[in-house]
Amino acid sequence: MRIVYISKTIATKKLLLVIFLGWFFFFRGSGGPSGGNTDQKLTLNIWGIFETSEGMETFIAEFNKNNPNVEVSYSQHSVDTYESDLINALAINEAPDIFVIHNDWLPKYQNKLLPAPDDLVSLRDYKNSFVDTVYSDFVLEDKIWAAPITMDSLALYYNKDILGSASIAVPATTWQELKKQSERITNRGSGSFFNRSGVALGTNANINRAVDILYLLMLQDRVEPYSSDFSQPTFDQAITQKDGSSFFPASDALSFYTSFANPTSDNYTWNSRSNYSIDAFANGELGYMYGYYYARDLIAQKAPNLNYDIAPVPQPDNIQTLVNFANYWGFAVSKQTKNPNTSWNFIKAMTGKNTLKKYYEVNKQPSPRKDIINEQIGDPEIGVFASANLTAKSFYKKDQVKADSIFQTMIDDIILRGRSIENAISTAAQKISALSQ
């Protein structure tokens, strides 16, 4: 009897050993419950632009709590050379595991990326977590290709002293109000110079992100940048209004924008001889300036005592749905990575609500997450930008650099070369269409 008892014990122990080894090798092969390899040391290389090494430590430390075997190496690049650095690295098969892409870059870089595994992040959770434009920009073919940690949207900076001197108590909320208030603020100097300008609009080279402002105005005026299948540009086409009449929103928006640099217009307040917009605003020469959140730091460096505030960007009227414009970056996974699951687990961890809140405690930034924006709206520093993120849109482009250059040329064609609005738009549409071939 005793021999039989010992045999059963041995058999039981062998069975338990087999089960244990099965679970061990299962988790070893799949990267463990958290998606990281629980046995071998892994290294993730990440490239970014605006996040500092100190700022990234928040994300790395949180990730390493559940993935102590993963070493994360972060490299911060200059925004001026980043894309060329990335293209070169991709060309020689030495791309980082994770790198940032601009919210306009997915059409250009999709074939260089790996989407998130379906069982890691669901489309439903992604859509519920982030503001609408993130889903529009980074979801394609029912796959998630990138995720952001911050988002910047345009707002309206205004000089409180200048507005007060012009007896303007409340900043403009509509295009019509902006035109009227700008005219009251404008003080012409001798020749083509302005002692004080109402708003920095109309030109290209001396306005910070002029092309983004034009994109904003076009989107506010109901421009559809591309056809629904993204096969051809449609921004130059007319839309049919409720009364049956045809309306060309791109022409209307471009006319409004360039009128502020047109000497024959009542809106004339700015030209190619005006100082760069941020400098003019910092020097007290400008009443209004469209700008992103990052402009605050530039103004603080140039004019720490400037008496200014920030308001939402004006809309065409007070009837239509609010439209804002977003500019941001998302973290994506390279197709060249040897650790795709671990890479996407890192992105999922860094864009989670709790991790981002810790990051924002040290690095105050407007958030792309709906559940954090709700807490940021009341903040006097970032509230306007956070609120704008909720209704922000982007302007679809096949190639961001080339498209921006085409629209910048469109502005210059009108202001510097005297071409008509219709001619400039038609030429731009032909060039954009060529990018789609």
Protein backbone atom coordinates (compact mmCIF):
# COMPACT_ATOMS: atom_id res chain seq x y z
CA MET A 1 0.00 0.00 0.00
CA ARG A 2 2.80 2.35 0.84
CA ILE A 3 4.40 1.80 -2.57
CA VAL A 4 1.18 2.73 -4.35
CA TYR A 5 0.90 5.90 -2.24
CA ILE A 6 4.40 7.00 -3.22
CA SER A 7 3.66 6.39 -6.92
CA LYS A 8 0.57 8.59 -6.81
CA THR A 9 2.53 11.36 -5.13
CA ILE A 10 5.26 11.18 -7.75
CA ALA A 11 2.70 11.20 -10.54
CA THR A 12 0.95 14.22 -9.03
CA LYS A 13 4.22 16.12 -8.69
CA LYS A 14 5.14 15.34 -12.28
CA LEU A 15 1.76 16.60 -13.45
CA LEU A 16 2.13 19.84 -11.51
CA LEU A 17 5.64 20.30 -12.92
CA VAL A 18 4.35 19.88 -16.47
CA ILE A 19 1.57 22.44 -15.85
CA PHE A 20 4.03 24.89 -14.31
CA LEU A 21 6.49 24.58 -17.19
CA GLY A 22 3.64 25.00 -19.67
CA TRP A 23 2.55 28.28 -18.10
CA PHE A 24 6.16 29.43 -17.81
CA PHE A 25 6.95 28.95 -21.47
CA PHE A 26 3.58 30.39 -22.51
CA PHE A 27 4.24 33.67 -20.73
CA ARG A 28 7.86 33.65 -21.83
CA GLY A 29 6.80 33.35 -25.46
CA SER A 30 4.01 35.93 -25.25
CA GLY A 31 5.98 38.47 -23.29
CA GLY A 32 4.19 37.89 -19.97
CA PRO A 33 0.85 39.22 -18.76
CA SER A 34 1.96 42.82 -19.20
CA GLY A 35 3.30 42.29 -22.72
CA GLY A 36 6.98 42.59 -21.78
CA ASN A 37 9.43 39.67 -21.79
CA THR A 38 9.63 38.35 -18.22
CA ASP A 39 12.87 36.43 -18.76
CA GLN A 40 15.17 38.22 -21.16
CA LYS A 41 16.34 41.82 -21.02
CA LEU A 42 14.86 44.00 -23.77
CA THR A 43 15.82 47.45 -24.98
CA LEU A 44 13.36 49.91 -26.50
CA ASN A 45 14.74 52.88 -28.41
CA ILE A 46 12.44 55.89 -28.67
CA TRP A 47 12.83 59.09 -30.68
CA GLY A 48 10.99 62.31 -29.89
CA ILE A 49 11.22 66.06 -30.40
CA PHE A 50 9.65 68.17 -27.70
CA GLU A 51 9.72 65.76 -24.76
CA THR A 52 12.91 66.11 -22.73
CA SER A 53 14.74 63.16 -21.21
CA GLU A 54 13.57 64.34 -17.78
CA GLY A 55 9.98 64.47 -18.97
CA MET A 56 10.16 60.98 -20.45
CA GLU A 57 11.34 59.59 -17.12
CA THR A 58 7.74 59.77 -15.86
CA PHE A 59 6.64 57.35 -18.56
CA ILE A 60 9.68 55.10 -18.29
CA ALA A 61 9.43 54.79 -14.51
CA GLU A 62 5.73 53.92 -14.67
CA PHE A 63 6.31 51.34 -17.39
CA ASN A 64 9.23 49.71 -15.58
CA LYS A 65 7.06 49.05 -12.51
CA ASN A 66 5.43 46.21 -14.42
CA ASN A 67 8.25 45.65 -16.92
CA PRO A 68 11.53 45.74 -14.98
CA ASN A 69 13.29 43.71 -17.67
CA VAL A 70 12.81 46.43 -20.32
CA GLU A 71 15.45 49.13 -20.69
CA VAL A 72 14.09 52.23 -22.39
CA SER A 73 16.47 54.57 -24.20
CA TYR A 74 15.13 57.97 -25.28
CA SER A 75 16.71 60.33 -27.82
CA GLN A 76 15.48 63.93 -28.25
CA HIS A 77 15.94 65.37 -31.74
CA SER A 78 15.76 68.87 -33.18
CA VAL A 79 12.48 69.63 -34.91
CA ASP A 80 14.49 71.10 -37.81
CA THR A 81 16.34 67.86 -38.60
CA TYR A 82 14.01 65.22 -37.17
CA GLU A 83 12.33 64.04 -40.34
CA SER A 84 15.56 63.79 -42.29
CA ASP A 85 17.12 61.88 -39.37
CA LEU A 86 14.14 59.54 -39.36
CA ILE A 87 14.17 58.97 -43.12
CA ASN A 88 17.89 58.17 -43.02
CA ALA A 89 17.44 55.72 -40.12
CA LEU A 90 14.58 53.97 -41.89
CA ALA A 91 16.62 53.71 -45.08
CA ILE A 92 19.44 51.79 -43.40
CA ASN A 93 17.14 49.65 -41.26
CA GLU A 94 18.20 51.36 -38.03
CA ALA A 95 14.95 53.07 -37.07
CA PRO A 96 14.03 53.26 -33.38
CA ASP A 97 11.35 50.96 -32.03
CA ILE A 98 9.08 53.93 -31.31
CA PHE A 99 9.12 57.37 -32.90
CA VAL A 100 6.80 60.36 -33.10
CA ILE A 101 4.87 61.32 -36.21
CA HIS A 102 3.03 64.57 -36.78
CA ASN A 103 -0.74 64.31 -36.91
CA ASP A 104 -0.49 64.99 -40.68
CA TRP A 105 2.08 62.28 -41.38
CA LEU A 106 0.14 59.01 -41.37
CA PRO A 107 -0.58 58.98 -45.14
CA LYS A 108 3.15 59.36 -45.77
CA TYR A 109 4.47 56.93 -43.14
CA GLN A 110 1.78 54.26 -42.85
CA ASN A 111 3.86 51.68 -44.75
CA LYS A 112 6.71 52.21 -42.27
CA LEU A 113 4.58 51.48 -39.20
CA LEU A 114 2.99 48.61 -37.29
CA PRO A 115 -0.54 49.22 -35.97
CA ALA A 116 -1.57 48.39 -32.43
CA PRO A 117 -2.59 44.76 -31.88
CA ASP A 118 -6.37 44.45 -31.90
CA ASP A 119 -6.38 42.69 -28.53
CA LEU A 120 -4.30 45.40 -26.87
CA VAL A 121 -6.30 48.55 -27.65
CA SER A 122 -9.83 48.42 -29.02
CA LEU A 123 -11.11 51.04 -31.44
CA ARG A 124 -14.00 51.71 -29.07
CA ASP A 125 -11.72 52.45 -26.10
CA TYR A 126 -9.43 54.57 -28.26
CA LYS A 127 -12.35 56.63 -29.58
CA ASN A 128 -13.82 57.08 -26.13
CA SER A 129 -10.48 58.11 -24.62
CA PHE A 130 -9.23 60.67 -27.13
CA VAL A 131 -10.79 63.73 -28.77
CA ASP A 132 -12.31 63.22 -32.20
CA THR A 133 -9.45 64.55 -34.30
CA VAL A 134 -7.04 61.97 -32.84
CA TYR A 135 -9.30 59.19 -34.10
CA SER A 136 -9.55 60.90 -37.52
CA ASP A 137 -5.79 61.41 -37.79
CA PHE A 138 -4.40 58.17 -36.38
CA VAL A 139 -7.01 55.51 -37.20
CA LEU A 140 -6.95 54.17 -40.73
CA GLU A 141 -8.37 50.93 -42.14
CA ASP A 142 -9.80 50.19 -38.69
CA LYS A 143 -6.29 50.11 -37.22
CA ILE A 144 -4.67 52.38 -34.61
CA TRP A 145 -1.33 53.71 -35.84
CA ALA A 146 -0.24 56.23 -33.19
CA ALA A 147 -1.27 57.86 -29.92
CA PRO A 148 -0.48 61.35 -28.54
CA ILE A 149 0.40 62.57 -25.04
CA THR A 150 -0.24 66.29 -25.67
CA MET A 151 -2.21 68.38 -28.15
CA ASP A 152 -1.99 72.03 -29.11
CA SER A 153 -4.78 74.01 -30.74
CA LEU A 154 -4.84 77.58 -32.01
CA ALA A 155 -6.17 80.31 -29.72
CA LEU A 156 -6.43 84.11 -29.89
CA TYR A 157 -3.81 86.07 -27.95
CA TYR A 158 -4.77 89.66 -27.21
CA ASN A 159 -3.04 92.67 -25.66
CA LYS A 160 -5.31 93.87 -22.85
CA ASP A 161 -3.84 97.38 -22.79
CA ILE A 162 -4.30 97.86 -26.53
CA LEU A 163 -7.88 96.62 -26.47
CA GLY A 164 -8.62 98.80 -23.46
CA SER A 165 -7.21 101.86 -25.21
CA ALA A 166 -9.56 101.17 -28.13
CA SER A 167 -12.52 100.85 -25.70
CA ILE A 168 -12.86 97.15 -26.46
CA ALA A 169 -14.09 95.35 -23.36
CA VAL A 170 -14.54 91.84 -24.76
CA PRO A 171 -12.28 90.14 -27.33
CA ALA A 172 -13.74 89.26 -30.70
CA THR A 173 -15.73 86.04 -30.99
CA THR A 174 -16.70 86.24 -34.69
CA TRP A 175 -14.98 87.16 -37.94
CA GLN A 176 -17.12 90.28 -38.23
CA GLU A 177 -16.20 91.42 -34.72
CA LEU A 178 -12.52 90.78 -35.46
CA LYS A 179 -12.67 92.98 -38.56
CA LYS A 180 -14.38 95.83 -36.70
CA GLN A 181 -12.12 95.68 -33.66
CA SER A 182 -8.97 95.38 -35.77
CA GLU A 183 -9.94 98.54 -37.65
CA ARG A 184 -10.39 100.40 -34.33
CA ILE A 185 -7.00 99.23 -33.08
CA THR A 186 -5.01 99.92 -36.27
CA ASN A 187 -2.80 102.99 -36.30
CA ARG A 188 -1.17 103.72 -39.64
CA GLY A 189 2.30 105.20 -39.73
CA SER A 190 4.07 106.84 -42.63
CA GLY A 191 4.16 105.05 -45.98
CA SER A 192 3.42 101.35 -45.67
CA PHE A 193 4.28 101.07 -41.99
CA PHE A 194 1.92 100.55 -39.07
CA ASN A 195 2.50 102.01 -35.62
CA ARG A 196 0.02 99.46 -34.34
CA SER A 197 -1.72 96.60 -36.12
CA GLY A 198 -5.07 95.11 -35.24
CA VAL A 199 -4.33 91.47 -36.04
CA ALA A 200 -1.53 89.52 -37.68
CA LEU A 201 -3.31 88.09 -40.72
CA GLY A 202 -2.87 88.23 -44.49
CA THR A 203 0.75 87.34 -45.24
CA ASN A 204 2.85 84.21 -45.08
CA ALA A 205 6.50 84.69 -44.14
CA ASN A 206 6.12 86.99 -41.11
CA ILE A 207 3.23 85.22 -39.35
CA ASN A 208 3.88 82.25 -37.08
CA ARG A 209 2.18 79.18 -38.62
CA ALA A 210 0.31 81.32 -41.14
CA VAL A 211 -0.67 78.24 -43.12
CA ASP A 212 -2.32 76.69 -40.05
CA ILE A 213 -4.40 79.82 -39.55
CA LEU A 214 -5.56 79.58 -43.16
CA TYR A 215 -6.42 75.89 -42.69
CA LEU A 216 -8.42 76.86 -39.60
CA LEU A 217 -10.39 79.54 -41.46
CA MET A 218 -11.14 77.15 -44.32
CA LEU A 219 -12.35 74.42 -41.98
CA GLN A 220 -14.48 76.96 -40.11
CA ASP A 221 -15.97 77.98 -43.45
CA ARG A 222 -16.92 74.31 -44.10
CA VAL A 223 -14.18 73.41 -46.59
CA GLU A 224 -13.79 69.67 -47.25
CA PRO A 225 -10.06 69.18 -47.94
CA TYR A 226 -10.37 65.80 -49.71
CA SER A 227 -12.96 63.44 -51.11
CA SER A 228 -14.28 60.78 -48.73
CA ASP A 229 -11.98 58.14 -50.22
CA PHE A 230 -8.97 60.54 -50.08
CA SER A 231 -8.39 60.12 -53.81
CA GLN A 232 -8.58 63.79 -54.80
CA PRO A 233 -8.60 67.24 -53.22
CA THR A 234 -11.95 69.00 -52.98
CA PHE A 235 -11.07 72.18 -51.07
CA ASP A 236 -11.58 74.29 -54.20
CA GLN A 237 -15.11 73.08 -54.85
CA ALA A 238 -18.42 74.80 -54.14
CA ILE A 239 -20.99 73.64 -51.61
CA THR A 240 -24.73 74.03 -52.01
CA GLN A 241 -26.39 76.13 -49.34
CA LYS A 242 -29.90 75.69 -47.91
CA ASP A 243 -31.33 78.23 -50.36
CA GLY A 244 -29.85 76.30 -53.28
CA SER A 245 -27.11 78.80 -54.06
CA SER A 246 -23.48 77.82 -54.56
CA PHE A 247 -20.87 78.94 -52.06
CA PHE A 248 -17.09 78.61 -52.45
CA PRO A 249 -15.81 78.34 -48.87
CA ALA A 250 -12.11 78.25 -49.77
CA SER A 251 -12.42 81.49 -51.72
CA ASP A 252 -14.35 83.10 -48.88
CA ALA A 253 -11.82 82.05 -46.23
CA LEU A 254 -8.80 83.03 -48.33
CA SER A 255 -10.40 86.38 -49.16
CA PHE A 256 -11.02 87.04 -45.47
CA TYR A 257 -7.45 86.07 -44.55
CA THR A 258 -5.67 88.12 -47.24
CA SER A 259 -7.92 91.17 -46.80
CA PHE A 260 -5.92 92.18 -43.72
CA ALA A 261 -2.84 92.62 -45.94
CA ASN A 262 -4.69 94.23 -48.85
CA PRO A 263 -4.08 98.03 -49.05
CA THR A 264 -7.43 98.54 -50.80
CA SER A 265 -9.42 96.79 -48.05
CA ASP A 266 -10.95 98.39 -44.98
CA ASN A 267 -9.35 95.52 -43.04
CA TYR A 268 -5.81 96.56 -44.03
CA THR A 269 -3.64 96.33 -40.91
CA TRP A 270 -0.65 94.14 -41.79
CA ASN A 271 1.85 93.67 -44.61
CA SER A 272 5.14 92.04 -45.53
CA ARG A 273 7.08 94.84 -43.78
CA SER A 274 5.44 94.18 -40.42
CA ASN A 275 7.56 92.55 -37.75
CA TYR A 276 7.31 88.80 -37.21
CA SER A 277 3.97 88.23 -35.48
CA ILE A 278 5.29 86.96 -32.12
CA ASP A 279 7.84 89.78 -31.98
CA ALA A 280 5.21 92.38 -32.88
CA PHE A 281 2.93 91.06 -30.16
CA ALA A 282 5.70 90.97 -27.57
CA ASN A 283 6.72 94.54 -28.50
CA GLY A 284 3.20 95.88 -27.95
CA GLU A 285 2.68 96.61 -31.65
CA LEU A 286 -0.18 94.17 -32.19
CA GLY A 287 -3.66 93.82 -30.73
CA TYR A 288 -4.47 90.23 -31.73
CA MET A 289 -2.38 87.21 -32.65
CA TYR A 290 -3.45 83.67 -33.50
CA GLY A 291 -1.10 81.30 -31.72
CA TYR A 292 -0.49 77.94 -30.08
CA TYR A 293 0.16 77.24 -26.42
CA TYR A 294 3.91 77.17 -26.99
CA ALA A 295 3.81 80.88 -27.88
CA ARG A 296 3.37 81.64 -24.16
CA ASP A 297 6.96 80.63 -23.45
CA LEU A 298 8.26 82.75 -26.33
CA ILE A 299 6.32 85.78 -25.14
CA ALA A 300 7.54 85.26 -21.57
CA GLN A 301 11.14 85.28 -22.81
CA LYS A 302 10.69 88.40 -24.91
CA ALA A 303 8.27 90.42 -22.75
CA PRO A 304 7.75 88.96 -19.28
CA ASN A 305 5.64 91.93 -18.17
CA LEU A 306 3.32 92.11 -21.18
CA ASN A 307 -0.31 92.53 -20.14
CA TYR A 308 -2.10 89.99 -22.30
CA ASP A 309 -4.63 87.20 -22.17
CA ILE A 310 -5.90 84.38 -24.37
CA ALA A 311 -9.37 83.75 -25.80
CA PRO A 312 -10.90 81.16 -28.13
CA VAL A 313 -10.38 81.80 -31.84
CA PRO A 314 -13.20 83.73 -33.53
CA GLN A 315 -15.74 81.72 -35.53
CA PRO A 316 -17.46 82.80 -38.77
CA ASP A 317 -20.58 83.51 -36.71
CA ASN A 318 -22.21 82.54 -33.44
CA ILE A 319 -24.58 80.04 -35.05
CA GLN A 320 -22.35 77.33 -36.51
CA THR A 321 -20.71 74.52 -34.57
CA LEU A 322 -17.35 75.49 -33.09
CA VAL A 323 -14.33 74.55 -35.20
CA ASN A 324 -10.74 74.72 -33.94
CA PHE A 325 -7.43 73.55 -35.39
CA ALA A 326 -5.04 71.05 -33.84
CA ASN A 327 -1.29 70.59 -34.21
CA TYR A 328 0.28 67.67 -32.36
CA TRP A 329 2.44 64.53 -32.48
CA GLY A 330 1.75 60.88 -31.75
CA PHE A 331 3.98 57.97 -30.78
CA ALA A 332 4.06 55.15 -33.34
CA VAL A 333 5.81 51.77 -33.67
CA SER A 334 8.30 51.13 -36.43
CA LYS A 335 7.81 48.17 -38.75
CA GLN A 336 11.51 47.48 -38.19
CA THR A 337 11.17 46.83 -34.45
CA LYS A 338 11.95 43.38 -33.05
CA ASN A 339 9.68 44.04 -30.07
CA PRO A 340 6.29 45.15 -31.46
CA ASN A 341 4.14 44.03 -28.53
CA THR A 342 6.41 45.57 -25.92
CA SER A 343 6.60 48.78 -27.96
CA TRP A 344 2.83 49.10 -28.16
CA ASN A 345 2.50 48.22 -24.49
CA PHE A 346 4.80 51.15 -23.73
CA ILE A 347 2.64 53.53 -25.81
CA LYS A 348 -0.51 52.24 -24.16
CA ALA A 349 1.02 52.74 -20.71
CA MET A 350 2.32 56.26 -21.43
CA THR A 351 -1.00 57.50 -22.84
CA GLY A 352 -3.09 56.17 -19.96
CA LYS A 353 -5.00 58.66 -17.80
CA ASN A 354 -3.09 58.15 -14.53
CA THR A 355 0.34 58.26 -16.17
CA LEU A 356 -0.47 61.40 -18.14
CA LYS A 357 -1.79 63.16 -15.05
CA LYS A 358 1.56 62.54 -13.34
CA TYR A 359 3.34 63.89 -16.41
CA TYR A 360 1.18 67.03 -16.51
CA GLU A 361 1.97 67.78 -12.85
CA VAL A 362 5.53 68.56 -13.94
CA ASN A 363 4.95 69.41 -17.62
CA LYS A 364 1.72 71.40 -17.91
CA GLN A 365 0.27 70.77 -21.37
CA PRO A 366 -3.20 70.64 -22.92
CA SER A 367 -4.32 67.01 -23.09
CA PRO A 368 -5.75 64.95 -25.96
CA ARG A 369 -7.70 62.77 -23.49
CA LYS A 370 -11.33 63.67 -22.88
CA ASP A 371 -11.28 62.52 -19.25
CA ILE A 372 -8.37 64.87 -18.48
CA ILE A 373 -9.56 67.85 -20.54
CA ASN A 374 -12.60 68.05 -18.31
CA GLU A 375 -10.24 68.81 -15.41
CA GLN A 376 -8.11 71.28 -17.42
CA ILE A 377 -10.82 73.55 -18.83
CA GLY A 378 -10.92 75.73 -15.72
CA ASP A 379 -7.14 76.23 -15.66
CA PRO A 380 -6.31 79.90 -16.43
CA GLU A 381 -3.14 78.94 -18.30
CA ILE A 382 -4.18 76.01 -20.48
CA GLY A 383 -7.98 76.02 -20.22
CA VAL A 384 -8.62 77.76 -23.56
CA PHE A 385 -6.35 75.34 -25.40
CA ALA A 386 -7.73 72.26 -23.65
CA SER A 387 -11.28 73.32 -24.44
CA ALA A 388 -10.36 73.95 -28.08
CA ASN A 389 -9.03 70.40 -28.37
CA LEU A 390 -12.58 69.09 -27.96
CA THR A 391 -13.69 70.66 -31.25
CA ALA A 392 -10.35 70.68 -33.06
CA LYS A 393 -9.96 69.38 -36.59
CA SER A 394 -7.06 68.84 -38.94
CA PHE A 395 -6.61 69.46 -42.67
CA TYR A 396 -5.90 66.18 -44.48
CA LYS A 397 -2.68 66.14 -46.53
CA LYS A 398 -0.99 63.42 -48.56
CA ASP A 399 2.38 65.04 -47.87
CA GLN A 400 2.44 67.68 -45.12
CA VAL A 401 5.61 69.51 -46.15
CA LYS A 402 4.64 69.78 -49.81
CA ALA A 403 1.02 70.68 -49.05
CA ASP A 404 2.02 73.41 -46.61
CA SER A 405 4.39 74.85 -49.21
CA ILE A 406 1.63 74.91 -51.83
CA PHE A 407 -0.76 76.78 -49.53
CA GLN A 408 1.98 79.21 -48.48
CA THR A 409 2.64 79.93 -52.15
CA MET A 410 -1.09 80.50 -52.63
CA ILE A 411 -0.96 83.30 -50.03
CA ASP A 412 2.14 84.82 -51.62
CA ASP A 413 0.61 84.62 -55.10
CA ILE A 414 -2.18 86.92 -53.94
CA ILE A 415 -0.29 89.33 -51.68
CA LEU A 416 3.09 89.52 -53.39
CA ARG A 417 2.30 88.65 -57.00
CA GLY A 418 -1.17 90.17 -57.39
CA ARG A 419 -2.96 87.06 -58.59
CA SER A 420 -6.70 86.69 -58.05
CA ILE A 421 -8.20 84.56 -55.29
CA GLU A 422 -9.77 82.20 -57.84
CA ASN A 423 -6.56 81.80 -59.85
CA ALA A 424 -4.43 81.13 -56.78
CA ILE A 425 -6.84 78.48 -55.48
CA SER A 426 -7.12 76.79 -58.89
CA THR A 427 -3.34 76.58 -59.19
CA ALA A 428 -3.02 75.22 -55.65
CA ALA A 429 -5.69 72.58 -56.32
CA GLN A 430 -3.80 71.38 -59.41
CA LYS A 431 -0.59 71.05 -57.41
CA ILE A 432 -2.31 69.22 -54.53
CA SER A 433 -4.00 66.90 -57.03
CA ALA A 434 -0.59 66.01 -58.45
CA LEU A 435 0.48 64.80 -55.00
CA SER A 436 -2.35 62.28 -55.10
CA GLN A 437 -1.19 60.66 -58.36
